[in-house]
Amino acid sequence: MEMHFATVWESIADVIPDHAAVVQGARRVSWREYDERAARLAAAMVAAGLGPDAKIGLYLYNCPEYCEANYAGMKLRGVPVNVNYRYLDDELRYLLDNADAEAVVYHTSLADRIARVRAQLPKLKLLVEVDDGPGHVDGAVAYEDLLAAHEPMARIPRGEHDVHIVYTGGTTGMPKGTMYEIGPFTANYLAIAPPLLGLPAITDPADAAPLAAQLVAEGRGLVALPACPLMHATGLWVGLLIPHLLGSTVVLAESRSLDVAELLETVEREGVTELVIVGDSVARPVLHGLEDARAAGRAYALSRLTLVVSTGAMFSKEVKQGLFEHLPHLFVIDILGATEGTMAMQFFTKDLLSDTASFNLGAGVRVFADDGRPVEPGSGVIGMVATTGSIPVGYYKDPEKSARTFREIDGVRYSFPGDYATVEADGSITLLGRGSNVINTGGEKVFPEEVEEALKTHPAVFDALVFGVPDERFGTRISAVVSPGRSTAAPSAEELISHVKTRLAGFKAPRDVHVVETVPRAPNGKADYPSAKALAAGEAAPG
């Protein structure tokens, strides 16, 4: 059996056909239906002229069709491509053109954007519409009609060197496609998924289905809920791909933005065992939801929720402590990772906590100074975190960016996602932030994430973003937008600046602080710095 997601999932569907694969509200898709519907869509794509390596854009909100279309693309040895549903014409056209997309599956509420760019995408062969309201593109085919018109595609052998692509936009620049070989990528996840349940790693893909059948029979299967979009790597990889390798049920919230009451009710109703989040942007509202429920005498039955996995944003010690107060049985995994690779992973219980942004380095992970030498522990030198192991082969159609990000040092190929850190005397690292966001103010380098975490320790601050703005004297000065906590008066700028100075060097404190109702973030919880800068300038947020 090949090391390939589609091949492993097919074997799982054969042994637990009636077990739920995907759930959203009242919709329940069994593994039998999941496999068959994906095979019908794959057959339709082949009939439209798609084949191995064909790129298939998924321009969808979270829904079962997203999961099915991703599976269908893998079945035919094509390449599903995530498309951010916030993208408007220019970014949408750029991504689909850059990806050489031959098909796009999209919600009808987004059809007007597809209609405006399709003429600039000559490689498109198939447009598939998932009905979520008014909207239609001439020549497009309704998703359910397409499935009904085709018999399931026969299963085929697949190549372990097939490509898996996830597009990432980061905080600057146009989106870029990060490429992995699907065989090693699948193998990596089969190795790390079973230990989440205290089981040995899987090295033979043929062992996945028997394990899934055993877990379901014993009532020990994961029920995972990604509280973030599937169109981002955290939702797709941690919330969908990994759980499905164990035959788990993936539960999707119905709301298209974070609705904490709905989220907690869904966790309770579906017996969710694993919640996938993006740092404090999800964890803090969840904590407030638990606090509100307790105050109202509403106790959620969350005894089955034993695992919270976070990656993609800071997950503060204080918020972890708050969650443990409500859920003392919880096990938390905080991952320092990016689309370009995983760098570190920390494990927490109520009795085992460490400081925010402190990580123990994983095997094959190092911190290099600007001169290419490893940073010595306890030296205080700032370096860039690099990782080996399961890393991309490069960026799609971008050899220059690939050469900058994926480099060889002393015969070892490393991925440099762009995160900077210091190495402590005990060998652990303190994450500072992304180099692309660093602020140079008066000759001093300041990482916004460090200042943001300092601001959020103030009891009146719920969220914060920090960025640089032009300054005649310093070249760039540090500015911030903050949103106040619940039932608290908005803090003054002077109070917040003074608070930061009690925790960080004075030059790192913001010179301007703007209190806003909501700090702008992307759907996955990551910082939206352009909108934050616009709010600080009194302008409308872009997009």
Protein backbone atom coordinates (compact mmCIF):
# COMPACT_ATOMS: atom_id res chain seq x y z
CA MET A 1 0.00 0.00 0.00
CA GLU A 2 1.30 3.46 -0.94
CA MET A 3 2.03 6.14 1.64
CA HIS A 4 -0.75 8.39 0.36
CA PHE A 5 -3.64 10.03 2.19
CA ALA A 6 -6.24 8.88 -0.34
CA THR A 7 -5.07 5.28 -0.26
CA VAL A 8 -5.07 5.16 3.55
CA TRP A 9 -8.52 6.79 3.72
CA GLU A 10 -9.92 4.30 1.23
CA SER A 11 -8.73 1.42 3.40
CA ILE A 12 -10.32 3.06 6.45
CA ALA A 13 -13.64 3.57 4.66
CA ASP A 14 -13.70 -0.17 3.96
CA VAL A 15 -13.46 -1.17 7.62
CA ILE A 16 -15.62 1.49 9.35
CA PRO A 17 -18.15 2.33 6.59
CA ASP A 18 -20.95 3.38 8.96
CA HIS A 19 -18.83 5.50 11.29
CA ALA A 20 -19.19 9.27 10.86
CA ALA A 21 -16.40 10.87 8.86
CA VAL A 22 -17.66 14.47 8.72
CA VAL A 23 -20.37 16.18 10.77
CA GLN A 24 -21.74 19.71 10.45
CA GLY A 25 -24.93 20.52 12.29
CA ALA A 26 -27.58 18.02 11.25
CA ARG A 27 -25.46 16.74 8.36
CA ARG A 28 -23.64 13.48 9.01
CA VAL A 29 -21.48 11.92 6.31
CA SER A 30 -20.42 8.34 6.99
CA TRP A 31 -17.09 6.98 5.85
CA ARG A 32 -18.90 4.97 3.15
CA GLU A 33 -20.64 8.11 1.86
CA TYR A 34 -17.46 10.17 2.21
CA ASP A 35 -15.50 7.75 0.04
CA GLU A 36 -18.25 7.33 -2.54
CA ARG A 37 -19.02 11.03 -2.91
CA ALA A 38 -15.33 11.86 -3.26
CA ALA A 39 -15.00 9.10 -5.88
CA ARG A 40 -17.96 10.47 -7.86
CA LEU A 41 -16.45 13.96 -7.84
CA ALA A 42 -13.08 12.52 -8.88
CA ALA A 43 -14.78 10.75 -11.81
CA ALA A 44 -16.38 14.04 -12.87
CA MET A 45 -13.01 15.76 -12.79
CA VAL A 46 -11.43 13.05 -14.90
CA ALA A 47 -14.30 13.33 -17.39
CA ALA A 48 -13.59 17.08 -17.61
CA GLY A 49 -9.99 16.37 -18.60
CA LEU A 50 -8.20 16.51 -15.26
CA GLY A 51 -5.51 14.00 -14.44
CA PRO A 52 -2.47 13.48 -12.22
CA ASP A 53 -0.95 16.76 -11.01
CA ALA A 54 -4.04 18.77 -12.00
CA LYS A 55 -4.56 21.65 -9.58
CA ILE A 56 -8.03 21.99 -8.05
CA GLY A 57 -8.89 25.22 -6.23
CA LEU A 58 -11.05 24.91 -3.11
CA TYR A 59 -12.69 28.31 -2.65
CA LEU A 60 -15.04 27.26 0.14
CA TYR A 61 -16.05 27.94 3.69
CA ASN A 62 -15.87 25.03 6.14
CA CYS A 63 -18.30 22.37 4.97
CA PRO A 64 -18.40 18.63 4.19
CA GLU A 65 -17.91 19.45 0.49
CA TYR A 66 -14.52 20.96 1.32
CA CYS A 67 -13.43 17.64 2.82
CA GLU A 68 -14.91 15.65 -0.08
CA ALA A 69 -13.34 17.83 -2.77
CA ASN A 70 -9.95 17.61 -1.06
CA TYR A 71 -10.30 13.81 -0.95
CA ALA A 72 -11.50 13.68 -4.57
CA GLY A 73 -8.46 15.62 -5.79
CA MET A 74 -6.14 13.24 -3.98
CA LYS A 75 -8.01 10.22 -5.36
CA LEU A 76 -7.19 11.12 -8.97
CA ARG A 77 -3.61 12.06 -8.00
CA GLY A 78 -4.47 15.71 -8.50
CA VAL A 79 -3.47 18.55 -6.20
CA PRO A 80 -6.18 20.24 -4.09
CA VAL A 81 -5.26 23.89 -3.56
CA ASN A 82 -6.60 25.93 -0.65
CA VAL A 83 -7.98 29.35 -1.61
CA ASN A 84 -8.64 31.94 1.07
CA TYR A 85 -12.35 32.81 0.92
CA ARG A 86 -11.52 36.41 1.85
CA TYR A 87 -9.58 36.90 -1.36
CA LEU A 88 -11.06 39.38 -3.78
CA ASP A 89 -10.41 39.64 -7.51
CA ASP A 90 -6.68 40.43 -7.65
CA GLU A 91 -5.52 37.89 -5.05
CA LEU A 92 -7.98 35.29 -6.30
CA ARG A 93 -6.87 35.63 -9.91
CA TYR A 94 -3.20 35.63 -8.88
CA LEU A 95 -3.47 32.46 -6.81
CA LEU A 96 -5.51 30.46 -9.33
CA ASP A 97 -3.24 31.55 -12.15
CA ASN A 98 -0.07 30.89 -10.16
CA ALA A 99 -1.38 27.43 -9.22
CA ASP A 100 -2.31 26.59 -12.84
CA ALA A 101 -5.78 25.69 -11.57
CA GLU A 102 -7.80 23.48 -13.92
CA ALA A 103 -10.89 23.31 -11.69
CA VAL A 104 -12.42 25.35 -8.89
CA VAL A 105 -14.99 24.19 -6.36
CA TYR A 106 -16.64 27.20 -4.69
CA HIS A 107 -19.67 28.37 -2.76
CA THR A 108 -22.30 30.18 -4.82
CA SER A 109 -22.06 33.18 -2.47
CA LEU A 110 -18.55 33.67 -3.90
CA ALA A 111 -19.60 33.15 -7.53
CA ASP A 112 -19.45 36.84 -8.47
CA ARG A 113 -15.71 36.88 -7.79
CA ILE A 114 -15.15 33.76 -9.87
CA ALA A 115 -17.20 35.29 -12.69
CA ARG A 116 -14.99 38.38 -12.77
CA VAL A 117 -11.67 36.48 -13.02
CA ARG A 118 -12.49 33.35 -15.03
CA ALA A 119 -11.68 34.95 -18.40
CA GLN A 120 -8.12 35.53 -17.14
CA LEU A 121 -7.68 31.84 -16.26
CA PRO A 122 -7.42 29.99 -19.58
CA LYS A 123 -6.46 26.65 -17.96
CA LEU A 124 -9.81 26.28 -16.19
CA LYS A 125 -11.76 23.24 -17.40
CA LEU A 126 -14.37 22.82 -14.68
CA LEU A 127 -16.29 25.08 -12.29
CA VAL A 128 -18.28 23.37 -9.54
CA GLU A 129 -20.77 25.27 -7.38
CA VAL A 130 -21.74 24.35 -3.81
CA ASP A 131 -25.11 25.95 -3.11
CA ASP A 132 -25.18 28.34 -0.15
CA GLY A 133 -27.52 30.95 -1.62
CA PRO A 134 -27.85 33.18 -4.68
CA GLY A 135 -24.99 33.22 -7.16
CA HIS A 136 -24.08 31.40 -10.36
CA VAL A 137 -21.41 31.46 -13.07
CA ASP A 138 -22.46 30.57 -16.61
CA GLY A 139 -21.17 27.13 -17.52
CA ALA A 140 -20.61 26.04 -13.92
CA VAL A 141 -22.13 22.77 -12.70
CA ALA A 142 -23.96 22.27 -9.41
CA TYR A 143 -22.00 20.05 -7.01
CA GLU A 144 -24.83 17.60 -6.28
CA ASP A 145 -25.81 17.38 -9.97
CA LEU A 146 -22.23 16.53 -10.86
CA LEU A 147 -22.09 13.74 -8.28
CA ALA A 148 -25.40 12.31 -9.44
CA ALA A 149 -24.21 12.27 -13.08
CA HIS A 150 -21.12 10.14 -12.47
CA GLU A 151 -20.39 6.70 -11.10
CA PRO A 152 -17.58 6.50 -8.51
CA MET A 153 -14.10 6.50 -10.00
CA ALA A 154 -12.30 3.18 -9.66
CA ARG A 155 -9.47 3.14 -7.19
CA ILE A 156 -6.03 3.56 -8.71
CA PRO A 157 -2.38 3.17 -7.68
CA ARG A 158 -0.80 6.44 -6.61
CA GLY A 159 2.68 7.87 -6.46
CA GLU A 160 4.37 8.73 -3.19
CA HIS A 161 6.22 11.52 -5.02
CA ASP A 162 2.92 13.22 -5.90
CA VAL A 163 2.78 16.82 -4.71
CA HIS A 164 0.73 18.24 -1.87
CA ILE A 165 0.43 22.04 -1.97
CA VAL A 166 -0.77 24.51 0.62
CA TYR A 167 -0.80 28.20 -0.24
CA THR A 168 0.26 30.61 2.43
CA GLY A 169 0.02 34.37 2.31
CA GLY A 170 1.93 35.23 5.46
CA THR A 171 1.67 38.87 6.51
CA THR A 172 3.23 40.39 3.39
CA GLY A 173 3.34 39.65 -0.32
CA MET A 174 1.16 37.57 -2.59
CA PRO A 175 0.32 33.97 -1.65
CA LYS A 176 2.87 31.25 -2.40
CA GLY A 177 2.36 27.52 -2.77
CA THR A 178 4.35 25.37 -0.36
CA MET A 179 5.05 21.94 -1.89
CA TYR A 180 5.49 18.66 -0.02
CA GLU A 181 5.98 15.16 -1.40
CA ILE A 182 2.81 13.40 -0.34
CA GLY A 183 4.49 10.12 0.63
CA PRO A 184 6.85 11.52 3.27
CA PHE A 185 4.13 13.97 4.33
CA THR A 186 1.66 11.15 4.96
CA ALA A 187 4.35 9.10 6.71
CA ASN A 188 5.12 12.00 9.05
CA TYR A 189 1.50 12.31 10.13
CA LEU A 190 1.05 8.55 10.54
CA ALA A 191 4.05 8.68 12.86
CA ILE A 192 2.77 11.52 15.05
CA ALA A 193 -1.00 10.84 15.14
CA PRO A 194 -1.23 7.58 17.15
CA PRO A 195 0.93 8.87 20.04
CA LEU A 196 -1.79 11.47 20.65
CA LEU A 197 -3.79 8.48 21.94
CA GLY A 198 -0.85 6.90 23.69
CA LEU A 199 -0.32 4.40 20.86
CA PRO A 200 2.82 3.52 18.90
CA ALA A 201 3.60 5.37 15.68
CA ILE A 202 2.45 3.78 12.42
CA THR A 203 5.22 2.98 9.95
CA ASP A 204 3.23 0.78 7.53
CA PRO A 205 0.18 2.50 5.97
CA ALA A 206 -1.60 -0.89 5.88
CA ASP A 207 -1.76 -0.74 9.70
CA ALA A 208 -3.91 2.42 9.75
CA ALA A 209 -7.25 0.76 8.89
CA PRO A 210 -7.01 -2.04 11.49
CA LEU A 211 -6.14 0.56 14.13
CA ALA A 212 -9.08 2.74 13.09
CA ALA A 213 -11.44 -0.24 13.31
CA GLN A 214 -10.08 -1.11 16.75
CA LEU A 215 -10.44 2.45 18.05
CA VAL A 216 -14.03 2.73 16.80
CA ALA A 217 -14.97 -0.67 18.22
CA GLU A 218 -13.54 0.30 21.60
CA GLY A 219 -15.13 3.78 21.55
CA ARG A 220 -11.72 5.46 21.70
CA GLY A 221 -11.66 7.23 18.34
CA LEU A 222 -10.84 10.91 18.10
CA VAL A 223 -13.62 13.38 17.42
CA ALA A 224 -11.83 16.48 16.18
CA LEU A 225 -13.22 19.99 15.78
CA PRO A 226 -11.08 22.54 13.93
CA ALA A 227 -12.14 25.91 15.33
CA CYS A 228 -10.46 27.59 12.35
CA PRO A 229 -10.89 27.52 8.57
CA LEU A 230 -9.94 24.43 6.58
CA MET A 231 -8.48 26.78 3.97
CA HIS A 232 -5.54 27.41 6.30
CA ALA A 233 -2.85 24.86 7.11
CA THR A 234 -3.81 24.54 10.78
CA GLY A 235 -7.40 23.61 9.97
CA LEU A 236 -6.50 21.38 7.03
CA TRP A 237 -3.54 19.51 8.49
CA VAL A 238 -4.26 19.34 12.23
CA GLY A 239 -8.04 19.49 12.00
CA LEU A 240 -8.67 17.18 9.02
CA LEU A 241 -5.74 15.23 7.58
CA ILE A 242 -4.32 13.89 10.84
CA PRO A 243 -7.64 12.87 12.45
CA HIS A 244 -8.79 11.10 9.26
CA LEU A 245 -5.64 8.96 9.25
CA LEU A 246 -7.05 7.44 12.44
CA GLY A 247 -10.59 7.05 11.08
CA SER A 248 -11.74 9.88 13.30
CA THR A 249 -14.82 12.04 12.97
CA VAL A 250 -14.21 15.64 11.95
CA VAL A 251 -16.85 18.03 13.29
CA LEU A 252 -17.29 21.42 11.62
CA ALA A 253 -19.01 24.38 13.27
CA GLU A 254 -21.86 25.90 11.27
CA SER A 255 -20.96 29.55 11.92
CA ARG A 256 -18.47 31.13 9.55
CA SER A 257 -16.92 33.17 12.30
CA LEU A 258 -16.11 32.21 15.87
CA ASP A 259 -19.34 31.77 17.84
CA VAL A 260 -18.18 30.57 21.24
CA ALA A 261 -21.59 29.46 22.49
CA GLU A 262 -22.13 27.39 19.34
CA LEU A 263 -18.61 26.01 19.58
CA LEU A 264 -18.99 24.83 23.18
CA GLU A 265 -22.47 23.44 22.54
CA THR A 266 -21.11 21.51 19.55
CA VAL A 267 -18.18 20.15 21.58
CA GLU A 268 -20.68 18.99 24.19
CA ARG A 269 -23.26 17.54 21.77
CA GLU A 270 -20.81 15.67 19.53
CA GLY A 271 -18.51 14.46 22.30
CA VAL A 272 -15.52 16.24 20.77
CA THR A 273 -12.23 14.90 22.10
CA GLU A 274 -9.83 17.23 20.28
CA LEU A 275 -10.18 20.97 19.73
CA VAL A 276 -7.85 22.58 17.20
CA ILE A 277 -7.24 26.30 17.77
CA VAL A 278 -4.99 29.18 16.75
CA GLY A 279 -3.56 30.46 20.02
CA ASP A 280 -5.20 33.12 22.15
CA SER A 281 -7.38 34.35 19.28
CA VAL A 282 -9.58 31.29 19.89
CA ALA A 283 -8.53 30.20 23.38
CA ARG A 284 -9.26 33.50 25.10
CA PRO A 285 -12.87 33.77 23.79
CA VAL A 286 -13.41 30.10 24.71
CA LEU A 287 -12.16 30.82 28.22
CA HIS A 288 -14.57 33.75 28.49
CA GLY A 289 -17.38 31.49 27.27
CA LEU A 290 -16.60 29.01 30.03
CA GLU A 291 -16.49 31.81 32.59
CA ASP A 292 -19.84 33.18 31.41
CA ALA A 293 -21.38 29.70 31.53
CA ARG A 294 -20.17 29.17 35.08
CA ALA A 295 -21.53 32.56 36.17
CA ALA A 296 -24.90 31.68 34.62
CA GLY A 297 -24.99 28.27 36.27
CA ARG A 298 -24.60 26.55 32.90
CA ALA A 299 -22.10 23.73 33.16
CA TYR A 300 -21.05 22.31 29.78
CA ALA A 301 -20.47 18.57 29.83
CA LEU A 302 -16.98 18.54 28.35
CA SER A 303 -15.45 15.50 30.02
CA ARG A 304 -14.65 13.94 26.61
CA LEU A 305 -12.64 16.99 25.54
CA THR A 306 -9.19 15.84 26.57
CA LEU A 307 -6.93 17.46 23.99
CA VAL A 308 -6.43 21.03 22.76
CA VAL A 309 -3.92 21.53 19.95
CA SER A 310 -2.78 25.05 19.07
CA THR A 311 -0.48 26.37 16.39
CA GLY A 312 -0.07 29.49 14.28
CA ALA A 313 -0.23 32.14 17.03
CA MET A 314 0.86 32.85 20.59
CA PHE A 315 -0.95 30.79 23.23
CA SER A 316 -0.29 32.58 26.52
CA LYS A 317 0.42 30.92 29.85
CA GLU A 318 -2.36 32.89 31.54
CA VAL A 319 -5.02 31.64 29.12
CA LYS A 320 -3.80 28.05 29.45
CA GLN A 321 -4.10 28.38 33.23
CA GLY A 322 -7.64 29.68 32.86
CA LEU A 323 -8.64 26.73 30.68
CA PHE A 324 -7.17 24.28 33.19
CA GLU A 325 -9.27 25.85 35.96
CA HIS A 326 -12.41 24.86 34.04
CA LEU A 327 -11.08 21.67 32.45
CA PRO A 328 -8.46 20.23 34.83
CA HIS A 329 -8.28 16.97 32.85
CA LEU A 330 -7.15 18.79 29.69
CA PHE A 331 -3.93 18.00 27.83
CA VAL A 332 -2.61 20.90 25.72
CA ILE A 333 -0.18 20.72 22.79
CA ASP A 334 1.30 24.06 21.72
CA ILE A 335 3.10 23.78 18.37
CA LEU A 336 5.62 26.24 17.01
CA GLY A 337 5.10 25.66 13.33
CA ALA A 338 4.49 27.19 9.95
CA THR A 339 3.43 26.01 6.52
CA GLU A 340 7.15 25.51 5.89
CA GLY A 341 7.66 23.08 8.77
CA THR A 342 7.23 22.26 12.46
CA MET A 343 9.93 23.59 14.74
CA ALA A 344 8.91 22.72 18.28
CA MET A 345 6.11 21.18 20.30
CA GLN A 346 5.30 21.70 23.98
CA PHE A 347 2.99 19.59 26.14
CA PHE A 348 1.05 21.04 29.07
CA THR A 349 -1.20 19.88 31.90
CA LYS A 350 -2.58 21.83 34.85
CA ASP A 351 0.51 20.84 36.80
CA LEU A 352 3.00 21.43 34.02
CA LEU A 353 3.19 24.93 32.54
CA SER A 354 5.96 27.08 31.12
CA ASP A 355 6.19 30.73 30.12
CA THR A 356 4.50 32.07 27.02
CA ALA A 357 6.55 31.55 23.83
CA SER A 358 8.98 29.17 25.55
CA PHE A 359 9.61 25.95 23.61
CA ASN A 360 11.89 22.94 23.81
CA LEU A 361 13.50 22.34 20.44
CA GLY A 362 12.46 19.26 18.52
CA ALA A 363 14.93 16.83 16.99
CA GLY A 364 16.67 18.34 13.97
CA VAL A 365 15.72 21.90 14.94
CA ARG A 366 18.40 24.56 15.46
CA VAL A 367 18.74 28.32 15.79
CA PHE A 368 21.24 30.02 13.49
CA ALA A 369 22.69 33.51 13.78
CA ASP A 370 22.91 35.80 10.76
CA ASP A 371 26.44 34.57 10.05
CA GLY A 372 25.21 30.97 9.72
CA ARG A 373 26.66 29.74 13.00
CA PRO A 374 24.47 27.99 15.60
CA VAL A 375 23.39 30.26 18.46
CA GLU A 376 25.06 29.28 21.71
CA PRO A 377 22.69 28.61 24.62
CA GLY A 378 22.55 31.49 27.08
CA SER A 379 24.41 33.87 24.75
CA GLY A 380 21.46 36.22 24.26
CA VAL A 381 22.09 36.23 20.52
CA ILE A 382 18.98 36.42 18.35
CA GLY A 383 18.83 33.84 15.60
CA MET A 384 16.45 32.30 13.09
CA VAL A 385 14.80 28.98 13.87
CA ALA A 386 15.45 26.24 11.30
CA THR A 387 14.02 22.75 11.03
CA THR A 388 14.80 19.54 9.15
CA GLY A 389 12.78 16.36 8.72
CA SER A 390 9.37 16.73 7.10
CA ILE A 391 9.93 19.98 5.21
CA PRO A 392 8.76 21.22 1.80
CA VAL A 393 10.57 20.57 -1.44
CA GLY A 394 10.08 24.25 -2.24
CA TYR A 395 7.58 26.87 -3.34
CA TYR A 396 5.60 26.17 -6.50
CA LYS A 397 7.12 27.99 -9.49
CA ASP A 398 9.32 30.20 -7.29
CA PRO A 399 12.93 28.98 -7.21
CA GLU A 400 14.23 32.26 -5.78
CA LYS A 401 12.02 32.19 -2.68
CA SER A 402 12.69 28.47 -2.38
CA ALA A 403 16.44 29.06 -2.32
CA ARG A 404 16.08 31.69 0.42
CA THR A 405 13.82 29.61 2.65
CA PHE A 406 15.19 26.08 2.14
CA ARG A 407 18.95 26.07 2.56
CA GLU A 408 21.72 23.56 3.18
CA ILE A 409 24.11 24.02 6.09
CA ASP A 410 26.93 21.52 6.69
CA GLY A 411 25.29 19.05 4.35
CA VAL A 412 21.87 19.24 6.05
CA ARG A 413 18.85 20.76 4.30
CA TYR A 414 16.90 23.15 6.57
CA SER A 415 13.68 25.09 6.30
CA PHE A 416 13.78 28.67 7.63
CA PRO A 417 10.11 29.72 8.09
CA GLY A 418 11.18 33.16 9.33
CA ASP A 419 10.77 32.91 13.11
CA TYR A 420 13.40 34.46 15.36
CA ALA A 421 14.30 33.32 18.86
CA THR A 422 16.93 33.34 21.57
CA VAL A 423 18.34 30.12 23.04
CA GLU A 424 18.24 29.88 26.82
CA ALA A 425 20.98 28.28 28.93
CA ASP A 426 18.90 25.09 29.33
CA GLY A 427 18.59 24.72 25.54
CA SER A 428 14.98 25.88 25.31
CA ILE A 429 14.10 28.79 23.06
CA THR A 430 12.13 31.96 23.58
CA LEU A 431 10.20 32.83 20.45
CA LEU A 432 10.39 36.51 19.48
CA GLY A 433 8.39 36.63 16.26
CA ARG A 434 8.57 36.78 12.50
CA GLY A 435 11.47 38.60 10.91
CA SER A 436 9.17 39.99 8.23
CA ASN A 437 7.33 41.93 10.95
CA VAL A 438 10.33 43.24 12.86
CA ILE A 439 10.28 46.97 13.58
CA ASN A 440 13.52 48.93 13.31
CA THR A 441 13.05 51.97 15.53
CA GLY A 442 15.99 54.28 16.11
CA GLY A 443 18.39 51.47 15.24
CA GLU A 444 16.80 48.97 17.66
CA LYS A 445 14.99 45.86 16.42
CA VAL A 446 11.65 45.13 18.07
CA PHE A 447 9.49 42.07 17.43
CA PRO A 448 5.79 43.00 17.50
CA GLU A 449 4.70 39.69 19.05
CA GLU A 450 6.81 40.36 22.16
CA VAL A 451 5.14 43.74 22.71
CA GLU A 452 1.70 42.32 21.95
CA GLU A 453 2.10 39.70 24.67
CA ALA A 454 3.20 42.38 27.14
CA LEU A 455 0.14 44.49 26.34
CA LYS A 456 -2.19 41.50 26.77
CA THR A 457 -0.93 40.93 30.32
CA HIS A 458 -2.71 44.16 31.31
CA PRO A 459 -6.04 43.14 32.94
CA ALA A 460 -8.03 45.62 30.84
CA VAL A 461 -6.69 44.39 27.47
CA PHE A 462 -8.37 41.60 25.54
CA ASP A 463 -6.31 41.68 22.33
CA ALA A 464 -3.52 43.73 20.77
CA LEU A 465 -1.52 44.17 17.59
CA VAL A 466 1.73 46.11 17.29
CA PHE A 467 3.32 47.53 14.13
CA GLY A 468 5.64 50.22 12.86
CA VAL A 469 4.60 53.54 11.35
CA PRO A 470 6.83 56.17 9.69
CA ASP A 471 8.50 58.60 12.08
CA GLU A 472 10.67 61.61 11.27
CA ARG A 473 12.96 61.14 14.24
CA PHE A 474 13.20 57.35 14.67
CA GLY A 475 12.54 56.28 11.07
CA THR A 476 9.81 54.03 12.41
CA ARG A 477 7.95 54.29 15.70
CA ILE A 478 6.03 51.59 17.47
CA SER A 479 2.26 51.85 17.38
CA ALA A 480 -0.49 49.57 18.69
CA VAL A 481 -4.19 48.92 18.54
CA VAL A 482 -5.85 47.22 21.50
CA SER A 483 -9.35 46.09 22.33
CA PRO A 484 -10.48 46.29 25.97
CA GLY A 485 -11.54 43.32 28.02
CA ARG A 486 -15.11 42.60 28.91
CA SER A 487 -16.80 44.82 31.50
CA THR A 488 -13.71 46.97 31.88
CA ALA A 489 -13.18 50.61 31.14
CA ALA A 490 -10.92 51.28 28.19
CA PRO A 491 -7.40 51.83 29.51
CA SER A 492 -5.57 55.02 28.62
CA ALA A 493 -2.64 55.00 26.24
CA GLU A 494 -0.37 56.32 28.99
CA GLU A 495 -1.38 53.50 31.32
CA LEU A 496 -0.66 50.84 28.70
CA ILE A 497 2.67 52.34 27.68
CA SER A 498 3.75 52.43 31.32
CA HIS A 499 2.61 48.83 31.77
CA VAL A 500 4.76 47.63 28.86
CA LYS A 501 7.77 49.45 30.30
CA THR A 502 7.45 47.42 33.49
CA ARG A 503 7.89 44.21 31.47
CA LEU A 504 10.16 45.17 28.55
CA ALA A 505 12.97 47.58 27.75
CA GLY A 506 11.64 51.11 27.35
CA PHE A 507 12.46 51.36 23.63
CA LYS A 508 10.08 48.44 22.98
CA ALA A 509 7.05 50.23 24.41
CA PRO A 510 4.60 51.67 21.86
CA ARG A 511 4.54 55.43 21.47
CA ASP A 512 0.96 55.40 20.19
CA VAL A 513 -1.86 53.18 21.45
CA HIS A 514 -5.29 53.23 19.80
CA VAL A 515 -8.24 51.59 21.54
CA VAL A 516 -10.60 49.90 19.07
CA GLU A 517 -13.69 47.77 19.48
CA THR A 518 -12.14 44.70 17.84
CA VAL A 519 -8.54 44.04 16.93
CA PRO A 520 -8.54 42.92 13.27
CA ARG A 521 -7.61 39.31 12.58
CA ALA A 522 -7.95 36.89 9.68
CA PRO A 523 -10.49 34.04 9.95
CA ASN A 524 -7.75 31.72 11.20
CA GLY A 525 -6.93 34.12 14.04
CA LYS A 526 -3.68 35.44 12.60
CA ALA A 527 -2.84 39.12 12.77
CA ASP A 528 -4.24 41.44 10.11
CA TYR A 529 -1.59 44.16 10.26
CA PRO A 530 -2.74 46.20 7.22
CA SER A 531 -6.20 46.61 8.77
CA ALA A 532 -4.69 47.43 12.16
CA LYS A 533 -2.56 50.17 10.61
CA ALA A 534 -5.60 51.56 8.81
CA LEU A 535 -7.58 51.65 12.07
CA ALA A 536 -4.74 53.45 13.82
CA ALA A 537 -4.68 56.01 11.01
CA GLY A 538 -8.45 56.50 11.24
CA GLU A 539 -9.04 54.86 7.88
CA ALA A 540 -11.38 52.11 6.81
CA ALA A 541 -9.80 48.66 6.98
CA PRO A 542 -8.72 47.37 3.54
CA GLY A 543 -10.88 44.73 1.83
